[in-house]
């Protein structure tokens, strides 16, 4: 979202299962408002797995996570198919990128 006074662009990585579940996170109206006002909305998987938790789920589960997330964003009219944000602290990048490439461009 560009602030007219400061001309700053922002991106926000959104985890669908956390949207609106706490006053710490945006609700869907907030997400859509930000997108409509220039913010780049990115996908942060369906659930918020930590780096080590990603190691405990199968490639099929990862793929399902990505597909579920994209479907929810599509329902809200938000295209997030270009960028996925995930925890890469485990050194498990190649595995996640390989699976993500099946649904993200």
Protein backbone atom coordinates (compact mmCIF):
# COMPACT_ATOMS: atom_id res chain seq x y z
CA UNK A 1 0.00 0.00 0.00
CA UNK A 2 1.50 3.34 -0.92
CA UNK A 3 1.37 6.06 1.71
CA UNK A 4 0.92 9.31 -0.22
CA UNK A 5 3.02 11.27 2.22
CA UNK A 6 5.93 8.81 2.41
CA UNK A 7 5.44 6.88 -0.85
CA UNK A 8 6.13 3.55 0.85
CA UNK A 9 5.02 0.25 -0.67
CA UNK A 10 4.25 -2.70 1.63
CA UNK A 11 3.72 -6.42 1.30
CA UNK A 12 1.97 -8.62 3.83
CA UNK A 13 2.31 -12.41 4.02
CA UNK A 14 -1.08 -13.72 5.18
CA UNK A 15 -1.82 -17.09 6.78
CA UNK A 16 -5.48 -17.83 5.97
CA UNK A 17 -6.15 -19.83 9.16
CA UNK A 18 -5.08 -16.85 11.30
CA UNK A 19 -7.08 -14.15 9.54
CA UNK A 20 -9.56 -12.64 12.00
CA UNK A 21 -8.80 -15.10 14.80
CA UNK A 22 -7.17 -12.54 17.07
CA UNK A 23 -6.81 -8.81 17.42
CA UNK A 24 -3.15 -9.43 16.51
CA UNK A 25 -4.08 -10.24 12.89
CA UNK A 26 -6.13 -8.60 10.18
CA UNK A 27 -9.61 -9.81 9.32
CA UNK A 28 -10.60 -10.45 5.68
CA UNK A 29 -12.06 -6.96 5.29
CA UNK A 30 -8.67 -5.55 6.38
CA UNK A 31 -6.79 -7.79 3.95
CA UNK A 32 -9.06 -6.77 1.05
CA UNK A 33 -8.82 -3.11 2.06
CA UNK A 34 -5.03 -3.27 2.03
CA UNK A 35 -4.98 -5.03 -1.33
CA UNK A 36 -7.43 -2.50 -2.79
CA UNK A 37 -5.17 0.31 -1.61
CA UNK A 38 -1.99 -0.98 -3.19
CA UNK A 39 -0.56 -3.48 -0.72
CA UNK A 40 0.90 -6.67 -2.15
CA UNK A 41 -0.79 -9.63 -0.44
CA UNK A 42 1.37 -12.76 -0.29
CA UNK A 43 0.48 -16.28 0.78
CA UNK A 44 2.10 -17.71 3.93
CA UNK A 45 0.79 -21.28 3.57
CA UNK A 46 -2.66 -22.34 4.84
CA UNK A 47 -1.47 -23.01 8.39
CA UNK A 48 1.49 -21.31 10.02
CA UNK A 49 4.07 -24.08 10.29
CA UNK A 50 7.46 -23.31 11.76
CA UNK A 51 10.57 -24.46 9.94
CA UNK A 52 10.87 -27.67 11.94
CA UNK A 53 7.13 -28.43 11.65
CA UNK A 54 7.41 -28.32 7.84
CA UNK A 55 9.77 -31.29 8.15
CA UNK A 56 7.04 -33.40 9.77
CA UNK A 57 4.49 -33.17 6.95
CA UNK A 58 4.57 -35.03 3.67
CA UNK A 59 4.89 -33.50 0.22
CA UNK A 60 1.22 -34.34 -0.34
CA UNK A 61 0.28 -32.42 2.82
CA UNK A 62 2.42 -29.49 1.70
CA UNK A 63 0.70 -29.46 -1.68
CA UNK A 64 -2.70 -29.53 0.03
CA UNK A 65 -1.63 -26.59 2.24
CA UNK A 66 -0.70 -24.54 -0.81
CA UNK A 67 -3.86 -25.43 -2.74
CA UNK A 68 -6.14 -24.68 0.23
CA UNK A 69 -4.50 -21.31 0.75
CA UNK A 70 -4.78 -20.32 -2.91
CA UNK A 71 -8.45 -21.39 -2.96
CA UNK A 72 -9.31 -19.22 0.04
CA UNK A 73 -7.57 -16.19 -1.44
CA UNK A 74 -9.36 -16.77 -4.76
CA UNK A 75 -12.71 -16.82 -2.91
CA UNK A 76 -11.79 -13.40 -1.53
CA UNK A 77 -10.79 -12.14 -5.00
CA UNK A 78 -7.08 -11.95 -4.17
CA UNK A 79 -4.53 -13.52 -6.53
CA UNK A 80 -1.56 -14.88 -4.56
CA UNK A 81 -0.36 -17.42 -7.11
CA UNK A 82 2.95 -15.66 -7.75
CA UNK A 83 4.58 -15.67 -4.33
CA UNK A 84 4.69 -18.05 -1.36
CA UNK A 85 6.26 -17.05 1.95
CA UNK A 86 7.30 -19.90 4.27
CA UNK A 87 9.84 -20.66 6.96
CA UNK A 88 13.12 -21.61 5.33
CA UNK A 89 15.12 -21.85 8.55
CA UNK A 90 15.41 -25.63 8.28
CA UNK A 91 17.45 -25.70 5.10
CA UNK A 92 14.50 -27.54 3.53
CA UNK A 93 14.14 -25.00 0.73
CA UNK A 94 14.49 -27.32 -2.26
CA UNK A 95 11.72 -29.67 -1.06
CA UNK A 96 9.25 -26.85 -0.34
CA UNK A 97 10.11 -25.00 -3.56
CA UNK A 98 9.64 -28.18 -5.61
CA UNK A 99 6.17 -28.78 -4.15
CA UNK A 100 5.21 -25.09 -4.28
CA UNK A 101 6.11 -24.92 -7.98
CA UNK A 102 3.11 -27.16 -8.66
CA UNK A 103 0.71 -24.35 -7.69
CA UNK A 104 2.69 -21.10 -7.48
CA UNK A 105 4.25 -19.47 -10.51
